[in-house]
Every structure is written in structure tokens, then in C-alpha cells.
N, C-alpha and C. Protein backbone atom coordinates (compact mmCIF):
# COMPACT_ATOMS: atom_id res chain seq x y z
N UNK A 1 -18.37 -45.01 16.98
CA UNK A 1 -17.26 -44.18 17.03
C UNK A 1 -16.65 -43.97 18.61
N UNK A 2 -17.55 -43.68 19.30
CA UNK A 2 -17.38 -43.53 20.75
C UNK A 2 -16.45 -44.88 21.70
N UNK A 3 -17.16 -45.66 21.21
CA UNK A 3 -16.88 -47.51 21.59
C UNK A 3 -15.54 -47.83 21.11
N UNK A 4 -15.40 -47.12 19.91
CA UNK A 4 -14.03 -47.18 19.31
C UNK A 4 -12.93 -46.23 20.03
N UNK A 5 -13.21 -45.28 20.39
CA UNK A 5 -12.14 -44.39 20.97
C UNK A 5 -12.31 -44.85 22.57
N UNK A 6 -13.15 -45.35 23.15
CA UNK A 6 -12.96 -45.79 24.44
C UNK A 6 -12.18 -46.71 24.67
N UNK A 7 -12.19 -47.92 23.78
CA UNK A 7 -11.71 -49.04 23.43
C UNK A 7 -9.77 -48.77 23.22
N UNK A 8 -10.00 -47.67 22.60
CA UNK A 8 -8.18 -47.37 22.04
C UNK A 8 -7.57 -46.57 23.20
N UNK A 9 -8.44 -45.97 24.26
CA UNK A 9 -8.30 -45.39 25.25
C UNK A 9 -7.71 -46.38 26.30
N UNK A 10 -8.54 -47.26 26.86
CA UNK A 10 -8.57 -48.15 27.68
C UNK A 10 -7.04 -49.11 27.20
N UNK A 11 -7.02 -49.49 26.11
CA UNK A 11 -6.10 -50.44 25.68
C UNK A 11 -4.66 -49.57 25.85
N UNK A 12 -4.58 -48.32 25.40
CA UNK A 12 -3.27 -47.40 25.56
C UNK A 12 -3.01 -47.70 27.33
N UNK A 13 -3.81 -47.10 27.87
CA UNK A 13 -4.00 -47.15 29.44
C UNK A 13 -3.58 -48.26 30.14
N UNK A 14 -3.74 -49.67 29.75
CA UNK A 14 -3.09 -51.04 30.08
C UNK A 14 -1.89 -50.97 29.76
N UNK A 15 -1.48 -50.60 28.75
CA UNK A 15 -0.34 -50.80 27.95
C UNK A 15 0.80 -49.69 28.76
N UNK A 16 0.42 -48.80 29.03
CA UNK A 16 1.07 -47.66 29.84
C UNK A 16 1.59 -48.11 31.24
N UNK A 17 0.18 -48.73 31.62
CA UNK A 17 0.53 -49.32 33.35
C UNK A 17 1.05 -50.49 33.32
N UNK A 18 1.24 -51.28 32.15
CA UNK A 18 2.30 -52.53 32.04
C UNK A 18 3.32 -51.84 31.89
N UNK A 19 3.97 -51.24 31.18
CA UNK A 19 5.22 -50.56 31.12
C UNK A 19 5.72 -49.42 32.28
N UNK A 20 4.75 -49.13 33.20
CA UNK A 20 5.29 -48.36 34.18
C UNK A 20 5.94 -49.36 35.37
N UNK A 21 5.13 -50.64 35.55
CA UNK A 21 5.45 -51.62 36.46
C UNK A 21 6.66 -51.95 36.01
N UNK A 22 7.17 -52.35 35.09
CA UNK A 22 8.51 -52.70 34.35
C UNK A 22 9.46 -51.98 34.57
N UNK A 23 9.11 -50.83 34.96
CA UNK A 23 10.23 -49.54 35.19
C UNK A 23 10.68 -49.35 36.56
N UNK A 24 10.06 -50.24 37.22
CA UNK A 24 10.46 -50.12 38.68
C UNK A 24 10.98 -51.54 39.31
N UNK A 25 11.82 -51.50 40.23
CA UNK A 25 11.88 -52.81 41.14
C UNK A 25 12.12 -52.64 42.67
N UNK A 26 12.52 -53.88 43.26
CA UNK A 26 12.71 -53.46 44.68
C UNK A 26 13.97 -54.22 45.21
N UNK A 27 14.89 -53.00 45.43
CA UNK A 27 16.16 -53.76 45.83
C UNK A 27 16.18 -54.72 46.46
N UNK A 28 15.16 -54.65 47.82
CA UNK A 28 15.39 -55.78 48.70
C UNK A 28 14.29 -56.80 48.48
N UNK A 29 13.97 -57.60 47.28
CA UNK A 29 13.24 -58.58 46.91
C UNK A 29 13.95 -59.82 47.27
N UNK A 30 12.56 -60.44 47.89
CA UNK A 30 13.22 -61.97 48.17
C UNK A 30 13.08 -62.68 47.07
N UNK A 31 13.83 -63.96 47.20
CA UNK A 31 13.96 -64.91 45.82
C UNK A 31 14.37 -66.09 46.86
N UNK A 32 14.17 -67.19 46.34
CA UNK A 32 14.27 -68.73 46.41
C UNK A 32 14.66 -69.56 45.05
N UNK A 33 15.54 -70.30 44.92
CA UNK A 33 15.66 -71.00 43.72
C UNK A 33 16.12 -72.52 44.04
N UNK A 34 15.34 -73.10 43.24
CA UNK A 34 15.39 -74.42 43.03
C UNK A 34 16.22 -75.09 41.97
N UNK A 35 17.26 -75.74 42.05
CA UNK A 35 18.60 -75.96 40.92
C UNK A 35 18.34 -77.67 40.72
N UNK A 36 18.09 -77.80 39.33
CA UNK A 36 17.90 -78.95 38.98
C UNK A 36 18.88 -79.57 37.83
N UNK A 37 19.73 -80.50 37.82
CA UNK A 37 20.79 -81.09 37.41
C UNK A 37 20.09 -81.90 36.07
N UNK A 38 21.24 -81.15 35.01
CA UNK A 38 20.36 -81.30 33.66
C UNK A 38 21.66 -81.82 32.68
N UNK A 39 22.61 -82.11 33.28
CA UNK A 39 23.60 -82.38 32.34
C UNK A 39 23.75 -83.49 31.42
N UNK A 40 23.11 -84.25 31.90
CA UNK A 40 22.86 -85.37 30.62
C UNK A 40 21.51 -85.38 30.08
N UNK A 41 21.15 -84.13 30.10
CA UNK A 41 19.43 -84.24 29.23
C UNK A 41 19.59 -82.94 27.93
N UNK A 42 20.72 -82.73 27.49
CA UNK A 42 20.94 -81.86 26.32
C UNK A 42 20.25 -81.97 25.60
N UNK A 43 19.24 -80.75 24.77
CA UNK A 43 18.38 -80.69 23.87
C UNK A 43 16.92 -81.09 23.91
N UNK A 44 16.76 -81.74 25.28
CA UNK A 44 15.22 -82.19 25.90
C UNK A 44 14.42 -81.05 26.14
N UNK A 45 13.03 -81.38 25.51
CA UNK A 45 12.42 -80.36 26.41
C UNK A 45 12.26 -80.27 27.75
N UNK A 46 11.83 -79.39 28.44
CA UNK A 46 11.09 -79.36 29.84
C UNK A 46 10.22 -78.08 30.22
N UNK A 47 9.67 -78.38 31.21
CA UNK A 47 8.40 -77.92 31.60
C UNK A 47 8.82 -77.59 33.20
N UNK A 48 8.54 -76.50 33.54
CA UNK A 48 8.17 -76.17 35.11
C UNK A 48 6.99 -75.35 35.10
N UNK A 49 5.91 -75.76 36.39
CA UNK A 49 5.12 -74.96 36.87
C UNK A 49 4.80 -74.95 38.47
N UNK A 50 4.38 -74.05 39.03
CA UNK A 50 4.69 -73.91 40.35
C UNK A 50 2.64 -73.16 40.52
N UNK A 51 2.19 -73.51 41.65
CA UNK A 51 0.96 -72.48 41.84
C UNK A 51 1.26 -71.24 43.24
N UNK A 52 0.49 -70.36 42.78
CA UNK A 52 0.92 -68.88 43.42
C UNK A 52 -0.48 -68.68 43.36
N UNK A 53 -0.61 -68.19 45.20
CA UNK A 53 -1.89 -67.19 45.76
C UNK A 53 -1.01 -65.83 45.60
N UNK A 54 -1.89 -64.62 44.96
CA UNK A 54 -1.41 -63.56 45.40
C UNK A 54 -2.30 -62.39 46.26
N UNK A 55 -1.80 -61.88 47.01
CA UNK A 55 -2.49 -60.75 47.54
C UNK A 55 -1.60 -59.41 47.67
N UNK A 56 -1.57 -58.82 46.11
CA UNK A 56 -0.13 -57.69 46.63
C UNK A 56 -0.82 -56.69 47.31
N UNK A 57 -0.07 -55.89 48.00
CA UNK A 57 -0.58 -54.51 48.69
C UNK A 57 -0.55 -53.28 47.47
N UNK A 58 -0.13 -53.41 46.25
CA UNK A 58 -0.50 -52.24 45.60
C UNK A 58 -0.04 -52.92 44.04
N UNK A 59 -0.04 -52.15 42.96
CA UNK A 59 -0.27 -52.44 41.68
C UNK A 59 1.35 -52.96 41.17
N UNK A 60 2.34 -52.50 41.76
CA UNK A 60 3.49 -52.53 41.29
C UNK A 60 4.19 -54.20 41.90
N UNK A 61 3.49 -54.50 42.95
CA UNK A 61 4.11 -55.65 43.62
C UNK A 61 3.42 -56.75 43.01
N UNK A 62 4.26 -58.06 42.80
CA UNK A 62 4.11 -59.06 42.33
C UNK A 62 5.49 -60.09 41.96
N UNK A 63 4.91 -61.42 42.26
CA UNK A 63 5.84 -62.27 41.99
C UNK A 63 6.27 -62.08 40.60
N UNK A 64 7.88 -62.72 40.61
CA UNK A 64 8.42 -63.08 38.86
C UNK A 64 9.47 -64.20 39.40
N UNK A 65 9.03 -64.88 38.04
CA UNK A 65 9.29 -66.47 38.08
C UNK A 65 9.85 -66.11 36.64
N UNK A 66 10.91 -67.27 36.62
CA UNK A 66 11.88 -67.49 35.62
C UNK A 66 12.90 -68.52 35.52
N UNK A 67 13.16 -69.06 34.52
CA UNK A 67 14.08 -70.18 34.52
C UNK A 67 15.36 -69.42 33.73
N UNK A 68 16.67 -69.96 34.57
CA UNK A 68 18.04 -69.67 33.83
C UNK A 68 18.75 -70.91 33.65
N UNK A 69 19.30 -71.24 32.67
CA UNK A 69 20.36 -72.28 32.53
C UNK A 69 21.66 -71.79 32.33
N UNK A 70 22.57 -72.45 33.28
CA UNK A 70 23.77 -72.40 33.61
C UNK A 70 24.70 -73.54 33.36
N UNK A 71 26.10 -73.19 33.17
CA UNK A 71 27.10 -73.77 32.61
C UNK A 71 27.55 -74.54 34.28
N UNK A 72 28.72 -75.13 34.21
CA UNK A 72 29.37 -75.75 35.56
C UNK A 72 29.84 -74.73 36.77
N UNK A 73 30.41 -73.52 36.23
CA UNK A 73 30.98 -72.40 37.06
C UNK A 73 29.78 -71.94 37.61
N UNK A 74 30.04 -71.12 39.19
CA UNK A 74 28.89 -70.73 39.92
C UNK A 74 27.86 -69.91 39.79
N UNK A 75 28.14 -68.86 38.53
CA UNK A 75 27.04 -67.84 37.97
C UNK A 75 27.56 -67.90 36.41
N UNK A 76 27.73 -69.01 35.92
CA UNK A 76 28.18 -69.38 34.63
C UNK A 76 26.75 -69.46 33.60
N UNK A 77 25.97 -68.18 33.55
CA UNK A 77 24.72 -68.28 33.25
C UNK A 77 24.87 -68.19 31.47
N UNK A 78 23.91 -68.88 31.02
CA UNK A 78 23.83 -68.81 29.29
C UNK A 78 22.88 -67.69 29.20
N UNK A 79 23.70 -66.91 28.42
CA UNK A 79 22.26 -65.69 28.14
C UNK A 79 21.14 -65.74 27.22
N UNK A 80 21.25 -66.83 26.53
CA UNK A 80 19.94 -66.31 25.59
C UNK A 80 18.71 -67.78 26.30
N UNK A 81 18.98 -68.20 27.56
CA UNK A 81 18.12 -69.00 28.18
C UNK A 81 17.56 -68.62 28.98
N UNK A 82 17.21 -67.23 29.16
CA UNK A 82 16.27 -66.72 30.28
C UNK A 82 14.90 -66.78 29.90
N UNK A 83 14.07 -67.38 30.41
CA UNK A 83 12.72 -68.04 30.13
C UNK A 83 11.67 -66.93 31.55
N UNK A 84 10.91 -66.38 30.54
CA UNK A 84 9.89 -65.53 32.38
C UNK A 84 8.43 -66.48 31.94
N UNK A 85 8.18 -66.86 33.07
CA UNK A 85 6.96 -67.65 33.38
C UNK A 85 5.76 -66.98 32.85
N UNK A 86 4.62 -67.46 32.33
CA UNK A 86 3.43 -67.02 32.07
C UNK A 86 2.41 -67.61 33.13
N UNK A 87 1.31 -67.13 33.26
CA UNK A 87 0.51 -67.71 34.13
C UNK A 87 -1.06 -67.85 33.70
N UNK A 88 -1.92 -68.38 34.56
CA UNK A 88 -3.41 -68.82 34.29
C UNK A 88 -4.01 -67.72 35.42
N UNK A 89 -4.98 -67.26 35.38
CA UNK A 89 -5.87 -66.59 36.17
C UNK A 89 -6.40 -67.83 37.18
N UNK A 90 -7.14 -67.21 38.57
CA UNK A 90 -7.75 -67.91 39.05
C UNK A 90 -7.04 -67.56 40.64
N UNK A 91 -7.79 -67.97 41.56
CA UNK A 91 -7.54 -68.18 43.14
C UNK A 91 -5.92 -68.60 43.18
N UNK A 92 -5.79 -69.60 42.77
CA UNK A 92 -4.28 -69.99 42.69
C UNK A 92 -3.80 -70.07 41.19
N UNK A 93 -3.03 -69.13 40.75
CA UNK A 93 -2.33 -68.89 39.39
C UNK A 93 -1.74 -70.14 39.50
N UNK A 94 -1.31 -70.70 37.90
CA UNK A 94 -0.43 -71.68 37.57
C UNK A 94 0.59 -71.16 36.67
N UNK A 95 1.93 -70.79 37.52
CA UNK A 95 2.67 -70.30 36.34
C UNK A 95 3.77 -71.19 35.71
N UNK A 96 4.09 -71.22 34.57
CA UNK A 96 4.91 -72.29 33.59
C UNK A 96 5.73 -71.66 32.64
N UNK A 97 6.78 -72.37 33.04
CA UNK A 97 7.50 -72.13 31.74
C UNK A 97 7.97 -73.40 30.83
N UNK A 98 8.38 -73.28 29.72
CA UNK A 98 8.44 -74.35 28.48
C UNK A 98 9.62 -74.09 27.94
N UNK A 99 11.01 -74.76 27.78
CA UNK A 99 11.97 -74.84 27.23
C UNK A 99 13.02 -75.95 26.65
N UNK A 100 14.02 -75.60 26.44
CA UNK A 100 14.82 -76.80 25.83
C UNK A 100 16.20 -76.61 26.30
N UNK A 101 16.72 -77.66 27.04
CA UNK A 101 18.17 -78.15 27.46
C UNK A 101 18.93 -77.33 26.70
N UNK A 102 19.82 -76.27 26.71
CA UNK A 102 20.80 -75.85 25.74
C UNK A 102 21.94 -76.77 26.07
N UNK A 103 22.82 -77.16 24.84
CA UNK A 103 23.81 -77.99 24.74
C UNK A 103 25.15 -77.75 25.74
N UNK A 104 24.91 -76.79 26.19
CA UNK A 104 26.27 -75.98 27.09
C UNK A 104 25.97 -76.13 28.62
N UNK A 105 24.26 -76.69 28.87
CA UNK A 105 23.93 -76.23 30.38
C UNK A 105 24.16 -77.38 31.17
N UNK A 106 24.53 -77.52 32.60
CA UNK A 106 24.48 -78.57 33.02
C UNK A 106 23.44 -78.68 34.24
N UNK A 107 22.89 -77.29 34.24
CA UNK A 107 22.07 -76.80 35.55
C UNK A 107 20.93 -76.10 35.17
N UNK A 108 19.75 -76.13 35.75
CA UNK A 108 18.71 -75.01 35.19
C UNK A 108 18.24 -74.43 37.06
N UNK A 109 17.91 -73.29 36.93
CA UNK A 109 17.78 -72.72 38.11
C UNK A 109 16.11 -72.29 37.59
N UNK A 110 15.33 -72.92 38.71
CA UNK A 110 13.98 -72.15 38.80
C UNK A 110 13.88 -71.06 39.63
N UNK A 111 14.13 -69.89 39.51
CA UNK A 111 13.81 -68.77 40.09
C UNK A 111 12.53 -68.11 40.52
N UNK A 112 12.52 -67.66 41.96
CA UNK A 112 11.04 -66.88 41.95
C UNK A 112 11.22 -65.81 42.99
N UNK A 113 11.02 -64.53 42.64
CA UNK A 113 11.35 -63.48 43.39
C UNK A 113 9.96 -62.88 44.04
N UNK A 114 9.81 -62.33 44.90
CA UNK A 114 8.65 -61.65 45.38
C UNK A 114 9.27 -60.15 45.10
N UNK A 115 8.85 -59.33 44.50
CA UNK A 115 8.87 -57.90 44.63
C UNK A 115 7.94 -57.18 44.84
N UNK A 116 8.38 -56.47 46.12
CA UNK A 116 7.11 -55.39 46.64
C UNK A 116 6.60 -56.04 48.01
N UNK A 117 5.14 -55.38 47.89
CA UNK A 117 4.63 -55.72 49.60
C UNK A 117 3.23 -56.40 49.43
N UNK A 118 3.17 -57.21 50.31
CA UNK A 118 1.90 -58.15 50.13
C UNK A 118 1.95 -59.28 50.89
N UNK A 119 1.12 -60.47 50.63
CA UNK A 119 1.52 -61.51 50.98
C UNK A 119 1.05 -62.76 49.67
N UNK A 120 2.02 -63.42 49.79
CA UNK A 120 2.08 -64.29 48.61
C UNK A 120 2.31 -66.02 48.91
N UNK A 121 1.71 -66.93 48.43
CA UNK A 121 1.94 -68.31 48.87
C UNK A 121 2.33 -68.85 47.56
N UNK A 122 3.38 -69.93 47.92
CA UNK A 122 3.59 -70.73 46.39
C UNK A 122 3.56 -72.31 47.05
N UNK A 123 3.28 -73.14 46.39
CA UNK A 123 2.85 -74.77 46.47
C UNK A 123 3.18 -75.46 45.10
N UNK A 124 3.19 -76.68 45.14
CA UNK A 124 3.18 -77.72 44.23
C UNK A 124 4.12 -77.16 42.97
N UNK A 125 5.46 -77.06 43.06
CA UNK A 125 6.53 -76.85 42.10
C UNK A 125 6.71 -78.20 41.60
N UNK A 126 6.36 -78.30 40.22
CA UNK A 126 6.97 -79.24 39.43
C UNK A 126 7.79 -79.31 38.24
N UNK A 127 8.34 -80.20 38.04
CA UNK A 127 9.37 -80.28 36.77
C UNK A 127 9.37 -81.39 35.59
N UNK A 128 9.24 -81.58 34.79
CA UNK A 128 8.71 -82.41 33.83
C UNK A 128 9.98 -82.22 32.57
N UNK A 129 10.41 -83.31 32.01
CA UNK A 129 11.39 -83.37 31.13
C UNK A 129 11.13 -84.43 30.43
N UNK A 130 11.31 -84.30 28.66
CA UNK A 130 11.11 -84.99 27.70
C UNK A 130 11.80 -86.48 27.75
N UNK A 131 10.73 -87.63 27.53
CA UNK A 131 11.80 -88.66 27.26
C UNK A 131 12.22 -88.96 26.04
N UNK A 132 12.68 -90.20 25.73
CA UNK A 132 13.46 -90.42 24.32
C UNK A 132 12.14 -90.34 23.26
N UNK A 133 11.07 -90.83 23.94
CA UNK A 133 9.95 -90.45 22.85
C UNK A 133 9.36 -88.72 22.55
N UNK A 134 10.17 -88.10 23.52
CA UNK A 134 9.48 -86.75 23.33
C UNK A 134 8.39 -86.25 24.49
N UNK A 135 7.81 -87.33 24.97
CA UNK A 135 6.53 -87.15 26.10
C UNK A 135 7.10 -86.55 27.40
N UNK A 136 6.63 -85.49 27.95
CA UNK A 136 7.12 -84.91 28.98
C UNK A 136 6.74 -85.77 30.51
N UNK A 137 7.89 -86.21 31.10
CA UNK A 137 7.53 -86.99 32.27
C UNK A 137 7.92 -86.07 33.37
N UNK A 138 7.08 -86.20 34.45
CA UNK A 138 7.57 -85.39 35.91
C UNK A 138 8.76 -86.35 36.41
N UNK A 139 9.71 -85.30 37.05
CA UNK A 139 11.08 -85.53 37.53
C UNK A 139 10.82 -85.07 38.96
N UNK A 140 10.78 -86.03 39.94
CA UNK A 140 10.70 -86.01 41.51
C UNK A 140 11.71 -84.58 41.94
N UNK A 141 11.27 -83.42 42.69
CA UNK A 141 11.85 -82.42 43.06
C UNK A 141 11.77 -82.84 44.43
N UNK A 142 12.89 -82.73 45.35
CA UNK A 142 13.02 -82.59 46.72
C UNK A 142 11.96 -81.30 47.48
N UNK A 143 11.12 -81.16 48.31
CA UNK A 143 10.66 -80.63 48.96
C UNK A 143 9.45 -79.63 47.98
N UNK A 144 9.05 -79.90 46.83
CA UNK A 144 8.56 -79.15 45.77
C UNK A 144 6.98 -78.66 46.20
N UNK A 145 6.45 -79.47 47.12
CA UNK A 145 5.40 -78.66 47.56
C UNK A 145 5.39 -78.23 49.10
N UNK A 146 6.68 -78.01 49.45
CA UNK A 146 6.91 -77.48 50.74
C UNK A 146 6.34 -78.16 51.71
N UNK A 147 6.43 -79.02 51.99
CA UNK A 147 5.51 -79.97 53.13
C UNK A 147 6.60 -80.55 54.05
N UNK A 148 7.99 -80.22 54.06
CA UNK A 148 8.92 -80.22 54.93
C UNK A 148 8.98 -79.34 55.95
N UNK A 149 9.03 -79.89 57.26
CA UNK A 149 8.92 -79.02 58.32
C UNK A 149 10.18 -77.57 58.26
N UNK A 150 11.26 -78.38 57.62
CA UNK A 150 12.10 -77.15 57.83
C UNK A 150 12.17 -76.13 56.67
N UNK A 151 12.12 -74.69 56.45
CA UNK A 151 11.76 -73.77 55.70
C UNK A 151 12.70 -74.06 54.65
N UNK A 152 12.29 -73.89 53.28
CA UNK A 152 13.20 -73.88 52.10
C UNK A 152 14.27 -75.08 51.83
N UNK A 153 13.89 -76.21 52.90
CA UNK A 153 14.55 -77.39 52.57
C UNK A 153 15.13 -77.58 50.93
N UNK A 154 16.50 -77.91 50.37
CA UNK A 154 16.33 -77.91 49.01
C UNK A 154 16.52 -76.71 48.16
N UNK A 155 16.16 -75.41 48.73
CA UNK A 155 16.37 -74.25 47.90
C UNK A 155 17.43 -73.34 48.38
N UNK A 156 18.20 -72.76 47.46
CA UNK A 156 18.81 -71.41 47.91
C UNK A 156 17.84 -70.57 48.32
N UNK A 157 18.11 -69.60 48.97
CA UNK A 157 17.27 -68.34 49.13
C UNK A 157 18.25 -67.08 49.56
N UNK A 158 17.54 -65.78 49.36
CA UNK A 158 18.07 -64.40 49.47
C UNK A 158 18.07 -64.31 51.14
N UNK A 159 18.94 -63.72 51.66
CA UNK A 159 19.04 -63.07 53.10
C UNK A 159 17.45 -62.34 53.11
N UNK A 160 16.40 -62.76 54.48
CA UNK A 160 15.50 -61.65 54.51
C UNK A 160 15.87 -60.56 54.85
N UNK A 161 15.28 -59.51 54.58
CA UNK A 161 14.98 -58.03 55.39
C UNK A 161 14.26 -58.12 56.66
N UNK A 162 14.20 -57.08 57.56
CA UNK A 162 13.74 -57.07 58.87
C UNK A 162 11.96 -56.94 58.44
N UNK A 163 11.50 -56.49 57.53
CA UNK A 163 9.99 -56.06 57.13
C UNK A 163 9.63 -57.26 55.96
N UNK A 164 10.56 -58.70 56.08
CA UNK A 164 10.01 -59.42 55.56
C UNK A 164 9.73 -60.84 56.49
N UNK A 165 8.73 -61.53 56.08
CA UNK A 165 8.43 -62.74 57.08
C UNK A 165 8.19 -64.07 55.75
N UNK A 166 8.99 -64.93 55.93
CA UNK A 166 8.96 -66.08 55.38
C UNK A 166 8.64 -67.50 56.01
N UNK A 167 7.48 -68.10 56.21
CA UNK A 167 7.07 -69.40 56.74
C UNK A 167 5.95 -69.92 56.13
N UNK A 168 5.59 -71.00 56.90
CA UNK A 168 4.81 -72.03 56.14
C UNK A 168 3.61 -71.61 56.59
N UNK A 169 2.58 -71.91 55.58
CA UNK A 169 1.13 -71.51 55.81
C UNK A 169 0.31 -72.73 55.73
N UNK A 170 -0.59 -72.83 56.34
CA UNK A 170 -1.64 -73.86 56.21
C UNK A 170 -2.67 -73.84 55.30
N UNK A 171 -2.48 -72.45 54.67
CA UNK A 171 -2.82 -72.19 53.37
C UNK A 171 -2.43 -73.23 52.02
N UNK A 172 -3.15 -73.58 51.35
CA UNK A 172 -2.37 -74.39 50.35
C UNK A 172 -3.33 -75.12 49.30
N UNK A 173 -2.63 -75.06 47.98
CA UNK A 173 -3.05 -75.47 46.69
C UNK A 173 -3.82 -77.01 46.64
N UNK A 174 -2.38 -77.53 47.29
CA UNK A 174 -2.73 -79.07 47.72
C UNK A 174 -1.75 -79.31 48.69
N UNK A 175 -2.00 -80.20 49.53
CA UNK A 175 -1.39 -80.95 50.30
C UNK A 175 -1.79 -80.02 51.98
N UNK A 176 -0.72 -80.06 52.64
CA UNK A 176 -0.80 -79.70 53.81
C UNK A 176 -0.50 -77.78 54.25
N UNK A 177 0.39 -77.26 53.29
CA UNK A 177 0.91 -76.26 53.42
C UNK A 177 1.43 -75.76 52.42
N UNK A 178 1.87 -74.64 52.50
CA UNK A 178 2.28 -73.78 51.49
C UNK A 178 3.67 -72.83 51.94
N UNK A 179 4.52 -72.35 51.43
CA UNK A 179 5.21 -71.37 51.46
C UNK A 179 4.83 -69.59 51.61
N UNK A 180 4.85 -69.02 52.20
CA UNK A 180 4.03 -67.71 52.56
C UNK A 180 5.36 -66.84 52.56
N UNK A 181 5.12 -65.59 52.08
CA UNK A 181 6.31 -64.56 51.52
C UNK A 181 5.18 -63.40 52.35
N UNK A 182 5.51 -62.96 53.05
CA UNK A 182 4.88 -61.16 53.60
C UNK A 182 5.57 -60.53 53.73
N UNK A 183 5.58 -59.31 53.20
CA UNK A 183 6.46 -58.34 53.32
C UNK A 183 5.60 -56.78 53.13
N UNK A 184 6.47 -56.04 53.86
CA UNK A 184 5.72 -54.67 54.58
C UNK A 184 6.72 -53.86 54.24
N UNK A 185 6.53 -52.33 54.04
CA UNK A 185 7.72 -51.32 53.88
C UNK A 185 8.93 -51.32 52.55
N UNK A 186 8.36 -52.42 51.56
CA UNK A 186 9.33 -52.09 50.57
C UNK A 186 9.08 -51.01 49.84
N UNK A 187 10.40 -50.36 49.36
CA UNK A 187 10.09 -49.20 48.47
C UNK A 187 10.48 -49.42 47.04
N UNK A 188 9.66 -49.18 46.10
CA UNK A 188 10.11 -49.17 44.55
C UNK A 188 11.20 -48.50 44.01
N UNK A 189 12.29 -48.69 43.44
CA UNK A 189 13.32 -47.70 42.96
C UNK A 189 12.92 -47.96 41.22
N UNK A 190 13.00 -46.74 40.78
CA UNK A 190 13.30 -46.57 39.35
C UNK A 190 14.42 -47.40 38.63
N UNK A 191 14.11 -48.32 37.50
CA UNK A 191 15.04 -49.05 37.02
C UNK A 191 15.29 -48.36 35.79
N UNK A 192 16.46 -47.54 35.46
CA UNK A 192 16.76 -46.72 34.45
C UNK A 192 16.95 -47.22 32.77
N UNK A 193 17.09 -48.57 33.22
CA UNK A 193 17.75 -49.66 31.78
C UNK A 193 16.46 -50.53 31.70
N UNK A 194 15.00 -50.30 32.16
CA UNK A 194 13.89 -51.03 31.70
C UNK A 194 13.75 -50.90 30.23
N UNK A 195 13.26 -51.85 29.97
CA UNK A 195 13.03 -52.12 28.51
C UNK A 195 11.91 -51.33 27.75
N UNK A 196 10.93 -51.37 28.64
CA UNK A 196 9.55 -50.59 28.37
C UNK A 196 9.96 -48.87 28.69
């Protein structure tokens, strides 16, 4: 009975901790986005994955990775297609997203945000699209492993605040380098509309 009570207390504490992290956000979060044209790929399955090494400064800091499908307009997002990444554990985590191209979509945005403080490394972005037989085949993306000398070539990115440094790092999951985002002094704000 003691063990069961201990297990219930630990499970409740873990659930509350997760709910608490979702209630906070960082107004100065840094993000970068890779846009993929999918106008002729309607209804096909797709898969993204990216390698991430995390060294957060606290329990609220972490990367948030998701995909958004959009129509032709600048911010004409398709509301029901936001997909959050899941990850595997390890020194370098692999964050993955699976989905299906919406009939109204012309592009998919692979969106990576660094929320909080610490050092975060990103490498080996891959995009797979189903062929006519339904098998996933990799589609080449420019600067997908951040091997280009020009920082974030082929990506959209937010402005960098004074307490944020974005650079190329020799630490890599594969290849010569990765993208490093280092942040200090970011302050978490309460999110009154959080679902948890």
C-alpha cells in the first residue's frame, strides 16, 4: 500500500510539473522556420525530424518544435493542422512530426522555437514525403544540417535579443557543425490562456 501511495504521489507531481511548464512562456523566445512547398502534394503523408541537444538552465526552458500548414497568403494558416513534435531521449534527441498534407495547403512551415535559457543545438533536419506507393522518400532541403557558413541560410528567423546568441558550433550530431542558440536572462511570463 505504501508503494502504491508513493507511485500516485509521484505521478501527480509529474503531471502538475508538466501543467506548470505549459502555463509559462518566454516573450523573447527565438525561432527559426524552414518553409517547404507542398502545393502539388495534396493528401500525401509527410515526416520531419531534427536532432536536438539540450542544456536548459531551468525546468521551464526547452525547445518547442511543430509544423504548421498554410495556404498562399502570408499568414493564412490552416487551423487544424498544427502538429507538435514528439522526441526520443538521448544525448541528441530526435524530434519527429508526422502528418498529411491538407488539400488546401501550399506550404508547410517547420517551426523551431527556443523558449527560455540555456544552450540548445540543432542539426540534421530531414523531410520525407510519401511517393505514389505510399513509401516515405527524403526530399532534399537547403542547409538542412546547418553546414553552410552563412548562419540560417534558407530559414526565416526572429530578431535576436541582446541576451541571445545564435552561432554555428563544432558540436554536431553529424557533419562538421550544428546551429547553437544560447540564451540568458530571459524571464518567463504567465500564460493565462494555457490549456493545462
